[in-house]
């Protein structure tokens, strides 16, 4: 039996097995991934910042 990739509980539906997460953990994982992507700094942003602070 497949287990949830987030909490380790058994997955019961074919959709959950396909996704690797139960429905609640899937939502939490998607929220966590969206937050991770939101706070990432791109190399272009870093280079622009370095130009601004360079003296």
C-alpha atoms as a PDB file:
ATOM      1  CA  UNK A   1       0.000   0.000   0.000  1.00  0.00           C
ATOM      2  CA  UNK A   2       1.299   3.451  -0.929  1.00  0.00           C
ATOM      3  CA  UNK A   3       2.004   6.020   1.773  1.00  0.00           C
ATOM      4  CA  UNK A   4       1.558   9.798   1.773  1.00  0.00           C
ATOM      5  CA  UNK A   5       4.785  11.608   0.950  1.00  0.00           C
ATOM      6  CA  UNK A   6       4.085  14.228   3.606  1.00  0.00           C
ATOM      7  CA  UNK A   7       2.605  12.445   6.630  1.00  0.00           C
ATOM      8  CA  UNK A   8       3.242   8.764   5.865  1.00  0.00           C
ATOM      9  CA  UNK A   9      -0.369   7.638   6.231  1.00  0.00           C
ATOM     10  CA  UNK A  10      -1.710   5.022   3.818  1.00  0.00           C
ATOM     11  CA  UNK A  11      -3.229   6.397   0.622  1.00  0.00           C
ATOM     12  CA  UNK A  12      -6.704   5.100  -0.133  1.00  0.00           C
ATOM     13  CA  UNK A  13      -7.794   6.475  -3.500  1.00  0.00           C
ATOM     14  CA  UNK A  14      -6.188   5.993  -6.904  1.00  0.00           C
ATOM     15  CA  UNK A  15      -5.900   9.778  -7.262  1.00  0.00           C
ATOM     16  CA  UNK A  16      -3.998  10.041  -3.970  1.00  0.00           C
ATOM     17  CA  UNK A  17      -1.686   7.196  -4.978  1.00  0.00           C
ATOM     18  CA  UNK A  18      -1.057   8.939  -8.322  1.00  0.00           C
ATOM     19  CA  UNK A  19      -0.349  12.275  -6.609  1.00  0.00           C
ATOM     20  CA  UNK A  20       1.690  10.772  -3.772  1.00  0.00           C
ATOM     21  CA  UNK A  21      -0.274  12.758  -1.171  1.00  0.00           C
ATOM     22  CA  UNK A  22      -3.658  12.541   0.520  1.00  0.00           C
ATOM     23  CA  UNK A  23      -6.087  15.397  -0.193  1.00  0.00           C
ATOM     24  CA  UNK A  24      -5.204  17.494   2.869  1.00  0.00           C
ATOM     25  CA  UNK A  25      -1.466  16.959   2.545  1.00  0.00           C
ATOM     26  CA  UNK A  26      -1.656  17.705  -1.175  1.00  0.00           C
ATOM     27  CA  UNK A  27      -3.199  21.104  -0.428  1.00  0.00           C
ATOM     28  CA  UNK A  28      -0.605  21.791   2.283  1.00  0.00           C
ATOM     29  CA  UNK A  29       2.226  20.725  -0.033  1.00  0.00           C
ATOM     30  CA  UNK A  30       0.978  22.967  -2.838  1.00  0.00           C
ATOM     31  CA  UNK A  31       0.746  25.898  -0.409  1.00  0.00           C
ATOM     32  CA  UNK A  32       4.278  25.215   0.858  1.00  0.00           C
ATOM     33  CA  UNK A  33       5.653  25.012  -2.693  1.00  0.00           C
ATOM     34  CA  UNK A  34       3.885  28.251  -3.667  1.00  0.00           C
ATOM     35  CA  UNK A  35       5.365  30.020  -0.625  1.00  0.00           C
ATOM     36  CA  UNK A  36       8.815  28.652  -1.434  1.00  0.00           C
ATOM     37  CA  UNK A  37       8.600  29.974  -4.986  1.00  0.00           C
ATOM     38  CA  UNK A  38       7.241  33.325  -3.782  1.00  0.00           C
ATOM     39  CA  UNK A  39      10.238  34.002  -1.532  1.00  0.00           C
ATOM     40  CA  UNK A  40      12.919  32.899  -4.002  1.00  0.00           C
ATOM     41  CA  UNK A  41      15.319  35.511  -5.320  1.00  0.00           C
ATOM     42  CA  UNK A  42      16.293  35.260  -8.974  1.00  0.00           C
ATOM     43  CA  UNK A  43      19.819  35.853 -10.167  1.00  0.00           C
ATOM     44  CA  UNK A  44      18.588  38.921 -12.057  1.00  0.00           C
ATOM     45  CA  UNK A  45      17.112  40.376  -8.860  1.00  0.00           C
ATOM     46  CA  UNK A  46      20.375  39.727  -7.014  1.00  0.00           C
ATOM     47  CA  UNK A  47      22.455  41.347  -9.764  1.00  0.00           C
ATOM     48  CA  UNK A  48      20.170  44.385  -9.783  1.00  0.00           C
ATOM     49  CA  UNK A  49      20.474  44.633  -6.008  1.00  0.00           C
ATOM     50  CA  UNK A  50      24.261  44.383  -6.220  1.00  0.00           C
ATOM     51  CA  UNK A  51      24.336  47.263  -8.719  1.00  0.00           C
ATOM     52  CA  UNK A  52      22.263  49.411  -6.359  1.00  0.00           C
ATOM     53  CA  UNK A  53      24.433  48.793  -3.283  1.00  0.00           C
ATOM     54  CA  UNK A  54      27.779  48.944  -5.070  1.00  0.00           C
ATOM     55  CA  UNK A  55      29.693  52.062  -4.110  1.00  0.00           C
END
